[in-house]
Amino acid sequence: MQNHYHTNMTMKKAVIATGITALAACAVIGFSLSCWGRGELTTDIRNGYIRDAEGNPLPGTIRQGKDLKVSAVPVFPGYKASKLTVRYGRNLDGPQYVDGERQWRQKSMKLKSVNTIPASMTGDDVRISADFRETSKADWTLVWADEFDGDSVSMTNWYAAPRWGSRWDRYSARDAEFPVVNKVENGVYKAYAIATPEQFKNTEKEPFISGCLKSHVGFTGGRIEARARTRMHRGNSPAFWLRPFDMSLGSMESGEIDIWEQFDDKARAHQTIHDGWIWKTKGAVSREAPAHAFNIESDPEEWHVYAVEWDPKGLIRWLVDNKEVFRYEKKNFSEGAYTPEITWPYDKPFYIIINQSLMDKDTDPDFTYLTEFDYVRVYQPRNAVSVTRDTDLE
C-alpha cells in the first residue's frame, strides 16, 4: 500500500507539473487560458484570396496557440500586394484599448508565397488582411464591387427586390421590414429570413420576411464573384445569381445564371443555368441541349468564393474557391423557334441578386435563417468593359 501511495502521488505531481508548464507557456506567449481552444479567424483580402499552405480555404476558426501557414494570391496576374497584416487579440473591431487594457495588437509582414503566423499571435482571435492593387500589367480590371464596409446596405449599389410572386422573392422585406433582415455588420452583409415579427403582422400577410438585394447595374460578361456562407437548416434556400434587364423573350427564354445555391440542410453547392433551349426543348432540340446543372459536395457553413467567368461570345465557367467545377458552352442549333437568340441569350446585360429565401416546404418558423456575403466583385477584361445601369431605377 505504501508503494502504491507513493506511486500515485508521483503521478499526481507529474500531472500538476505538466499543467503548470502548459499554463506558463500560455502566459509566456500572452494567451488567455483558452489557448487550447479555438479563436475566430477572419480575413479581408482585396482583389485576391487567402488559403492554407495546401491551397484549401481557411476555416472560420483557428486552433489557438499553433503556428498558422497561409498563402495569399491575387485574383488575376498583374495584381500586386507587398504585405500581409495580422490583427490578433480580442474585440478586433473595437478600440485597441479599453479602460487602459490592450484588446488587440497588429503586425505587418512582407508577403511571401507562404507566410507563417506564429503561435505567439494565435492565442485569441485573428484577422488577416492584404490589399492586391491593380497594375498596368493586369489584363482584367475591377469594374464594380461592394465590400460592405459601412453600417447599412448601400442603396447606391442595391435596391430591395420587389415581390413578383416567385419562391425566391415572395417574402422579400419591404419598407420598415427591410433593415430587420438586411443588415451590414463588421464588413459583412447579412441576409436573414425570419418568421414575421409581431410589429408587422397587421401589415404583412406572409408568414416570413427575408433579405434580398438586386444590383442597380448589369454586366455583359466578366468574372462575377462573392465570398459567402450560410446556416444549414431544413427549408434553407440562399442564392447568388444573375438575371437580364431585358426579359422580353420570357422568364426562362431570357436566361438566368445561378452562380451558387444551397438547399435545405444538404452540404452541396449547386451551379445552374436556365434558358429557352433547356426548358422548352422537344425532339431533336432536346437531344442537342447541353447539360445545364451541376453540384459539388461543400460545407456551406464555411466561407467559400463562388464565381463565374462569363464570355458573352460563347462560354460560361463556374468556379468554387477558384477551381472550375462546371461549364456551359454556346451551341449552334436552329430548328423552328430555337434560334441563336434562344439558345444563347447571354450576350446582354445581367444584374446581380443575392438573397436568403426559403423552400416551398418544411420551413421552420422558430429558426433564424442567415446567409452572409463578405463581398461581391465584378471584373472584366480591360478591352471589353460593359457596365449598364438600370435607368428605370433612377
Protein backbone atom coordinates (compact mmCIF):
# COMPACT_ATOMS: atom_id res chain seq x y z
CA MET A 1 0.00 0.00 0.00
CA GLN A 2 2.82 2.38 0.87
CA ASN A 3 4.48 1.92 -2.54
CA HIS A 4 1.14 2.31 -4.28
CA TYR A 5 0.53 5.57 -2.39
CA HIS A 6 3.89 6.98 -3.36
CA THR A 7 3.35 5.92 -6.98
CA ASN A 8 0.00 7.74 -7.10
CA MET A 9 1.48 10.85 -5.51
CA THR A 10 4.32 10.83 -8.03
CA MET A 11 1.84 10.59 -10.90
CA LYS A 12 -0.29 13.40 -9.48
CA LYS A 13 2.77 15.65 -9.09
CA ALA A 14 3.73 14.90 -12.69
CA VAL A 15 0.26 15.84 -13.92
CA ILE A 16 0.29 19.05 -11.86
CA ALA A 17 3.76 19.93 -13.11
CA THR A 18 2.68 19.34 -16.72
CA GLY A 19 -0.35 21.56 -16.21
CA ILE A 20 1.75 24.33 -14.64
CA THR A 21 4.22 24.13 -17.52
CA ALA A 22 1.37 24.40 -20.04
CA LEU A 23 -0.16 27.34 -18.20
CA ALA A 24 3.21 29.02 -18.09
CA ALA A 25 3.53 28.54 -21.84
CA CYS A 26 0.17 30.23 -22.28
CA ALA A 27 1.31 33.11 -20.09
CA VAL A 28 4.66 33.49 -21.86
CA ILE A 29 3.04 33.99 -25.25
CA GLY A 30 0.34 36.26 -23.89
CA PHE A 31 -2.67 33.95 -24.16
CA SER A 32 -5.77 33.66 -22.10
CA LEU A 33 -6.43 30.26 -20.52
CA SER A 34 -8.37 29.36 -23.66
CA CYS A 35 -5.16 28.84 -25.61
CA TRP A 36 -6.09 25.21 -26.26
CA GLY A 37 -9.44 26.25 -27.71
CA ARG A 38 -10.40 27.85 -30.99
CA GLY A 39 -10.48 31.52 -31.84
CA GLU A 40 -12.32 33.28 -34.64
CA LEU A 41 -10.37 33.62 -37.89
CA THR A 42 -11.45 36.37 -40.29
CA THR A 43 -9.88 37.73 -43.47
CA ASP A 44 -10.03 40.87 -45.58
CA ILE A 45 -8.22 40.15 -48.84
CA ARG A 46 -8.93 42.74 -51.52
CA ASN A 47 -8.70 41.51 -55.13
CA GLY A 48 -7.34 38.16 -54.07
CA TYR A 49 -7.75 35.07 -51.92
CA ILE A 50 -6.09 33.50 -48.93
CA ARG A 51 -5.66 29.80 -48.32
CA ASP A 52 -3.77 27.42 -46.10
CA ALA A 53 -0.38 26.05 -47.16
CA GLU A 54 -2.09 23.17 -49.00
CA GLY A 55 -4.28 25.51 -51.05
CA ASN A 56 -7.54 24.94 -49.13
CA PRO A 57 -9.85 27.76 -47.98
CA LEU A 58 -9.23 28.90 -44.43
CA PRO A 59 -11.81 27.83 -41.84
CA GLY A 60 -13.75 30.29 -39.72
CA THR A 61 -11.89 29.31 -36.55
CA ILE A 62 -8.26 28.79 -35.65
CA ARG A 63 -6.53 26.39 -33.25
CA GLN A 64 -5.19 28.68 -30.58
CA GLY A 65 -1.50 28.53 -29.74
CA LYS A 66 -0.46 26.91 -33.04
CA ASP A 67 1.51 28.26 -35.98
CA LEU A 68 -0.70 29.06 -38.98
CA LYS A 69 0.71 28.87 -42.51
CA VAL A 70 -1.18 30.86 -45.13
CA SER A 71 -0.84 31.73 -48.80
CA ALA A 72 -2.33 34.90 -50.28
CA VAL A 73 -2.73 35.11 -54.06
CA PRO A 74 -4.16 37.77 -56.43
CA VAL A 75 -7.38 37.33 -58.37
CA PHE A 76 -5.51 37.79 -61.66
CA PRO A 77 -1.89 38.19 -62.76
CA GLY A 78 -0.96 41.85 -62.67
CA TYR A 79 -2.42 42.50 -59.20
CA LYS A 80 0.26 43.02 -56.56
CA ALA A 81 0.47 43.29 -52.77
CA SER A 82 3.59 43.89 -50.72
CA LYS A 83 2.48 42.97 -47.20
CA LEU A 84 0.20 40.86 -45.07
CA THR A 85 -1.31 42.48 -41.97
CA VAL A 86 -2.35 40.43 -38.95
CA ARG A 87 -4.53 41.78 -36.15
CA TYR A 88 -4.75 39.48 -33.15
CA GLY A 89 -6.30 39.53 -29.69
CA ARG A 90 -9.87 40.24 -28.59
CA ASN A 91 -12.62 42.54 -29.84
CA LEU A 92 -10.80 43.09 -33.14
CA ASP A 93 -13.40 45.56 -34.43
CA GLY A 94 -13.35 47.61 -31.25
CA PRO A 95 -10.87 50.15 -29.89
CA GLN A 96 -7.34 48.96 -29.25
CA TYR A 97 -7.54 49.91 -25.56
CA VAL A 98 -10.50 49.60 -23.19
CA ASP A 99 -10.06 51.08 -19.71
CA GLY A 100 -6.31 51.05 -20.27
CA GLU A 101 -6.23 47.37 -21.22
CA ARG A 102 -4.94 46.42 -24.68
CA GLN A 103 -7.53 44.42 -26.64
CA TRP A 104 -5.51 43.62 -29.73
CA ARG A 105 -2.17 44.07 -31.48
CA GLN A 106 -1.34 44.39 -35.15
CA LYS A 107 1.70 43.39 -37.16
CA SER A 108 2.60 43.59 -40.84
CA MET A 109 4.91 41.15 -42.58
CA LYS A 110 6.36 41.01 -46.06
CA LEU A 111 4.11 38.97 -48.34
CA LYS A 112 5.70 35.66 -49.33
CA SER A 113 4.46 32.61 -51.22
CA VAL A 114 3.74 31.12 -47.79
CA ASN A 115 3.57 33.22 -44.62
CA THR A 116 3.76 31.76 -41.12
CA ILE A 117 1.69 33.41 -38.42
CA PRO A 118 3.45 32.29 -35.22
CA ALA A 119 1.79 30.76 -32.17
CA SER A 120 2.52 33.96 -30.25
CA MET A 121 -0.14 35.67 -32.42
CA THR A 122 -2.83 32.96 -32.40
CA GLY A 123 -3.85 32.95 -28.76
CA ASP A 124 -7.25 34.59 -29.30
CA ASP A 125 -8.94 35.86 -32.47
CA VAL A 126 -7.01 36.60 -35.67
CA ARG A 127 -7.73 38.74 -38.72
CA ILE A 128 -5.55 38.60 -41.84
CA SER A 129 -5.60 41.43 -44.38
CA ALA A 130 -3.94 42.11 -47.72
CA ASP A 131 -4.69 44.58 -50.50
CA PHE A 132 -3.78 43.46 -54.02
CA ARG A 133 -3.59 46.54 -56.25
CA GLU A 134 -4.17 46.51 -59.99
CA THR A 135 -1.07 47.34 -62.03
CA SER A 136 -0.61 48.30 -65.67
CA LYS A 137 0.24 44.65 -66.40
CA ALA A 138 -3.22 43.41 -65.45
CA ASP A 139 -5.47 42.33 -68.33
CA TRP A 140 -8.58 42.41 -66.10
CA THR A 141 -9.93 45.41 -64.22
CA LEU A 142 -12.30 45.76 -61.27
CA VAL A 143 -15.44 47.47 -62.63
CA TRP A 144 -17.81 47.19 -59.65
CA ALA A 145 -17.73 45.93 -56.07
CA ASP A 146 -19.39 46.12 -52.70
CA GLU A 147 -17.13 45.28 -49.76
CA PHE A 148 -19.92 46.02 -47.24
CA ASP A 149 -17.68 48.35 -45.26
CA GLY A 150 -20.46 50.59 -43.95
CA ASP A 151 -23.11 50.07 -41.31
CA SER A 152 -26.08 49.59 -43.66
CA VAL A 153 -26.87 48.42 -47.19
CA SER A 154 -25.63 50.86 -49.85
CA MET A 155 -28.74 51.81 -51.78
CA THR A 156 -26.44 53.23 -54.46
CA ASN A 157 -25.41 49.67 -55.28
CA TRP A 158 -28.60 47.77 -54.42
CA TYR A 159 -32.31 48.04 -54.06
CA ALA A 160 -34.82 45.85 -52.27
CA ALA A 161 -36.16 43.18 -54.58
CA PRO A 162 -39.86 43.66 -55.33
CA ARG A 163 -42.22 40.76 -54.81
CA TRP A 164 -43.06 39.14 -58.12
CA GLY A 165 -44.65 36.04 -56.62
CA SER A 166 -41.73 33.69 -57.17
CA ARG A 167 -40.46 31.42 -54.41
CA TRP A 168 -37.23 33.37 -54.01
CA ASP A 169 -38.84 36.82 -53.63
CA ARG A 170 -42.25 36.12 -52.09
CA TYR A 171 -41.01 37.10 -48.61
CA SER A 172 -38.74 39.96 -49.69
CA ALA A 173 -38.77 42.59 -46.95
CA ARG A 174 -40.39 45.92 -47.77
CA ASP A 175 -40.34 49.40 -46.25
CA ALA A 176 -39.89 49.22 -42.45
CA GLU A 177 -39.24 45.48 -42.68
CA PHE A 178 -36.14 46.00 -44.83
CA PRO A 179 -33.50 46.83 -42.14
CA VAL A 180 -34.73 43.99 -39.93
CA VAL A 181 -33.49 41.29 -42.32
CA ASN A 182 -30.93 43.21 -44.41
CA LYS A 183 -28.01 44.17 -42.17
CA VAL A 184 -24.38 45.16 -42.66
CA GLU A 185 -22.11 44.43 -39.71
CA ASN A 186 -18.31 44.22 -39.44
CA GLY A 187 -17.79 44.24 -43.19
CA VAL A 188 -20.40 41.56 -43.95
CA TYR A 189 -23.86 41.75 -45.50
CA LYS A 190 -26.26 39.55 -43.51
CA ALA A 191 -29.47 38.43 -45.18
CA TYR A 192 -31.94 36.86 -42.77
CA ALA A 193 -35.23 35.04 -43.14
CA ILE A 194 -37.39 35.02 -40.02
CA ALA A 195 -40.98 34.48 -39.01
CA THR A 196 -42.87 37.75 -39.45
CA PRO A 197 -42.27 39.84 -36.31
CA GLU A 198 -45.24 40.86 -34.22
CA GLN A 199 -44.91 44.55 -35.13
CA PHE A 200 -45.58 43.77 -38.81
CA LYS A 201 -48.41 41.29 -38.51
CA ASN A 202 -51.06 43.93 -39.14
CA THR A 203 -49.50 44.89 -42.47
CA GLU A 204 -47.69 41.70 -43.52
CA LYS A 205 -49.76 38.73 -44.67
CA GLU A 206 -46.82 36.41 -45.39
CA PRO A 207 -45.55 34.15 -42.57
CA PHE A 208 -41.87 35.15 -43.15
CA ILE A 209 -39.83 38.17 -44.20
CA SER A 210 -36.46 37.71 -45.90
CA GLY A 211 -33.40 39.62 -47.06
CA CYS A 212 -32.96 40.07 -50.78
CA LEU A 213 -30.93 42.59 -52.84
CA LYS A 214 -30.75 43.34 -56.56
CA SER A 215 -27.96 45.41 -58.08
CA HIS A 216 -28.65 48.69 -59.87
CA VAL A 217 -26.08 47.80 -62.52
CA GLY A 218 -25.75 44.97 -65.02
CA PHE A 219 -22.77 43.43 -66.74
CA THR A 220 -22.22 41.78 -70.11
CA GLY A 221 -19.60 39.19 -69.31
CA GLY A 222 -16.75 39.17 -66.82
CA ARG A 223 -15.77 37.45 -63.61
CA ILE A 224 -18.52 37.86 -61.03
CA GLU A 225 -17.74 36.51 -57.59
CA ALA A 226 -18.81 36.59 -53.96
CA ARG A 227 -17.47 35.15 -50.74
CA ALA A 228 -20.38 33.67 -48.84
CA ARG A 229 -21.58 31.21 -46.24
CA THR A 230 -24.98 30.13 -44.88
CA ARG A 231 -26.57 28.31 -41.97
CA MET A 232 -27.62 24.81 -42.97
CA HIS A 233 -31.18 24.00 -41.94
CA ARG A 234 -34.29 22.42 -43.37
CA GLY A 235 -36.09 24.87 -45.63
CA ASN A 236 -32.97 26.91 -46.38
CA SER A 237 -32.54 28.30 -49.91
CA PRO A 238 -29.96 31.10 -50.38
CA ALA A 239 -28.66 32.15 -53.79
CA PHE A 240 -26.15 34.30 -55.66
CA TRP A 241 -27.28 34.67 -59.26
CA LEU A 242 -27.81 36.77 -62.40
CA ARG A 243 -30.85 37.81 -64.41
CA PRO A 244 -31.11 40.07 -67.52
CA PHE A 245 -32.61 43.54 -67.59
CA ASP A 246 -34.29 42.60 -70.88
CA MET A 247 -36.92 39.93 -70.17
CA SER A 248 -38.73 40.32 -73.49
CA LEU A 249 -38.11 36.70 -74.50
CA GLY A 250 -39.93 35.39 -71.44
CA SER A 251 -38.98 34.31 -67.93
CA MET A 252 -36.87 31.30 -68.91
CA GLU A 253 -36.06 32.15 -72.52
CA SER A 254 -34.36 35.39 -71.46
CA GLY A 255 -31.72 33.49 -69.45
CA GLU A 256 -30.54 33.03 -65.86
CA ILE A 257 -27.13 32.19 -64.39
CA ASP A 258 -27.18 30.68 -60.89
CA ILE A 259 -23.66 31.06 -59.56
CA TRP A 260 -24.39 29.43 -56.19
CA GLU A 261 -27.40 27.90 -54.49
CA GLN A 262 -27.77 25.72 -51.41
CA PHE A 263 -30.90 23.77 -50.45
CA ASP A 264 -32.30 22.56 -47.13
CA ASP A 265 -29.66 21.04 -44.85
CA LYS A 266 -27.64 19.48 -47.67
CA ALA A 267 -23.89 20.12 -47.80
CA ARG A 268 -23.79 20.73 -51.54
CA ALA A 269 -23.16 23.81 -53.69
CA HIS A 270 -25.30 23.99 -56.85
CA GLN A 271 -24.46 25.66 -60.17
CA THR A 272 -27.24 26.02 -62.76
CA ILE A 273 -28.15 27.84 -65.95
CA HIS A 274 -31.62 28.43 -67.41
CA ASP A 275 -32.68 29.44 -70.91
CA GLY A 276 -35.30 28.64 -73.50
CA TRP A 277 -33.29 25.88 -75.11
CA ILE A 278 -33.07 23.95 -71.86
CA TRP A 279 -36.65 24.34 -70.63
CA LYS A 280 -38.65 24.41 -73.87
CA THR A 281 -36.98 21.60 -75.78
CA LYS A 282 -38.61 18.96 -77.93
CA GLY A 283 -37.42 16.32 -80.35
CA ALA A 284 -34.04 16.91 -81.92
CA VAL A 285 -33.58 20.14 -79.97
CA SER A 286 -33.82 18.24 -76.68
CA ARG A 287 -31.16 15.79 -77.75
CA GLU A 288 -28.78 18.62 -78.63
CA ALA A 289 -29.28 20.74 -75.48
CA PRO A 290 -26.18 20.80 -73.23
CA ALA A 291 -26.18 19.87 -69.53
CA HIS A 292 -27.46 22.80 -67.51
CA ALA A 293 -26.78 21.90 -63.85
CA PHE A 294 -24.07 20.61 -61.58
CA ASN A 295 -23.35 20.41 -57.85
CA ILE A 296 -20.42 19.57 -55.62
CA GLU A 297 -20.01 18.49 -52.02
CA SER A 298 -19.20 21.58 -49.95
CA ASP A 299 -19.69 22.74 -46.38
CA PRO A 300 -21.90 25.83 -46.78
CA GLU A 301 -21.25 26.99 -43.23
CA GLU A 302 -17.61 27.69 -44.08
CA TRP A 303 -16.62 30.67 -46.24
CA HIS A 304 -16.23 29.88 -49.94
CA VAL A 305 -15.66 32.03 -53.03
CA TYR A 306 -18.32 31.36 -55.68
CA ALA A 307 -17.72 32.78 -59.16
CA VAL A 308 -18.48 32.65 -62.86
CA GLU A 309 -16.17 33.66 -65.66
CA TRP A 310 -18.51 34.58 -68.47
CA ASP A 311 -17.50 35.21 -72.07
CA PRO A 312 -20.63 36.56 -73.81
CA LYS A 313 -19.34 35.16 -77.09
CA GLY A 314 -19.85 31.58 -76.02
CA LEU A 315 -18.55 30.20 -72.69
CA ILE A 316 -19.52 30.37 -69.01
CA ARG A 317 -17.35 28.72 -66.34
CA TRP A 318 -18.36 28.18 -62.71
CA LEU A 319 -15.64 28.21 -60.04
CA VAL A 320 -15.66 27.36 -56.34
CA ASP A 321 -12.61 28.57 -54.44
CA ASN A 322 -11.02 29.39 -57.79
CA LYS A 323 -11.36 25.82 -59.12
CA GLU A 324 -13.54 25.19 -62.16
CA VAL A 325 -16.45 22.85 -61.41
CA PHE A 326 -18.79 23.29 -64.41
CA ARG A 327 -19.02 24.96 -67.81
CA TYR A 328 -21.69 25.79 -70.36
CA GLU A 329 -20.80 26.47 -73.98
CA LYS A 330 -22.67 28.09 -76.82
CA LYS A 331 -24.07 25.58 -79.32
CA ASN A 332 -25.21 26.47 -82.80
CA PHE A 333 -28.59 24.84 -83.30
CA SER A 334 -31.63 26.20 -85.10
CA GLU A 335 -34.92 24.38 -85.52
CA GLY A 336 -38.12 26.36 -85.70
CA ALA A 337 -38.12 28.84 -82.82
CA TYR A 338 -34.77 27.65 -81.47
CA THR A 339 -32.65 30.39 -82.95
CA PRO A 340 -29.31 31.53 -81.51
CA GLU A 341 -31.22 34.18 -79.54
CA ILE A 342 -33.00 31.38 -77.65
CA THR A 343 -30.05 29.02 -77.31
CA TRP A 344 -27.58 31.72 -76.18
CA PRO A 345 -29.25 34.76 -74.55
CA TYR A 346 -26.04 35.58 -72.65
CA ASP A 347 -24.79 38.44 -74.80
CA LYS A 348 -26.67 41.20 -72.96
CA PRO A 349 -26.51 42.87 -69.52
CA PHE A 350 -27.37 40.77 -66.47
CA TYR A 351 -27.76 42.17 -62.94
CA ILE A 352 -26.84 40.52 -59.62
CA ILE A 353 -29.19 39.11 -56.98
CA ILE A 354 -28.11 37.97 -53.50
CA ASN A 355 -30.80 36.61 -51.25
CA GLN A 356 -31.83 34.44 -48.33
CA SER A 357 -35.01 32.71 -49.47
CA LEU A 358 -36.88 29.64 -48.27
CA MET A 359 -38.06 26.39 -49.78
CA ASP A 360 -41.73 25.69 -50.51
CA LYS A 361 -41.98 23.08 -47.76
CA ASP A 362 -40.54 22.19 -44.37
CA THR A 363 -39.63 25.73 -43.35
CA ASP A 364 -39.00 26.34 -39.66
CA PRO A 365 -40.59 29.48 -38.14
CA ASP A 366 -38.55 29.02 -34.95
CA PHE A 367 -35.22 29.16 -36.79
CA THR A 368 -33.27 32.27 -37.79
CA TYR A 369 -32.06 31.66 -41.35
CA LEU A 370 -28.92 33.58 -42.26
CA THR A 371 -26.69 33.90 -45.31
CA GLU A 372 -23.63 36.17 -45.17
CA PHE A 373 -21.75 37.85 -48.01
CA ASP A 374 -18.26 39.16 -47.30
CA TYR A 375 -18.11 40.95 -50.67
CA VAL A 376 -19.39 40.94 -54.25
CA ARG A 377 -16.92 41.87 -57.03
CA VAL A 378 -17.05 42.16 -60.80
CA TYR A 379 -14.01 42.13 -63.07
CA GLN A 380 -13.95 42.50 -66.84
CA PRO A 381 -11.21 42.40 -69.48
CA ARG A 382 -9.78 45.87 -69.94
CA ASN A 383 -10.58 45.77 -73.64
CA ALA A 384 -14.20 44.66 -73.13
CA VAL A 385 -15.69 46.69 -70.25
CA SER A 386 -19.51 46.61 -70.38
CA VAL A 387 -21.37 48.05 -67.38
CA THR A 388 -25.02 49.06 -67.72
CA ARG A 389 -27.04 50.98 -65.16
CA ASP A 390 -30.75 50.27 -64.85
CA THR A 391 -32.09 53.71 -65.78
CA ASP A 392 -35.62 52.69 -64.79
CA LEU A 393 -34.49 52.89 -61.16
CA GLU A 394 -33.16 56.44 -61.29
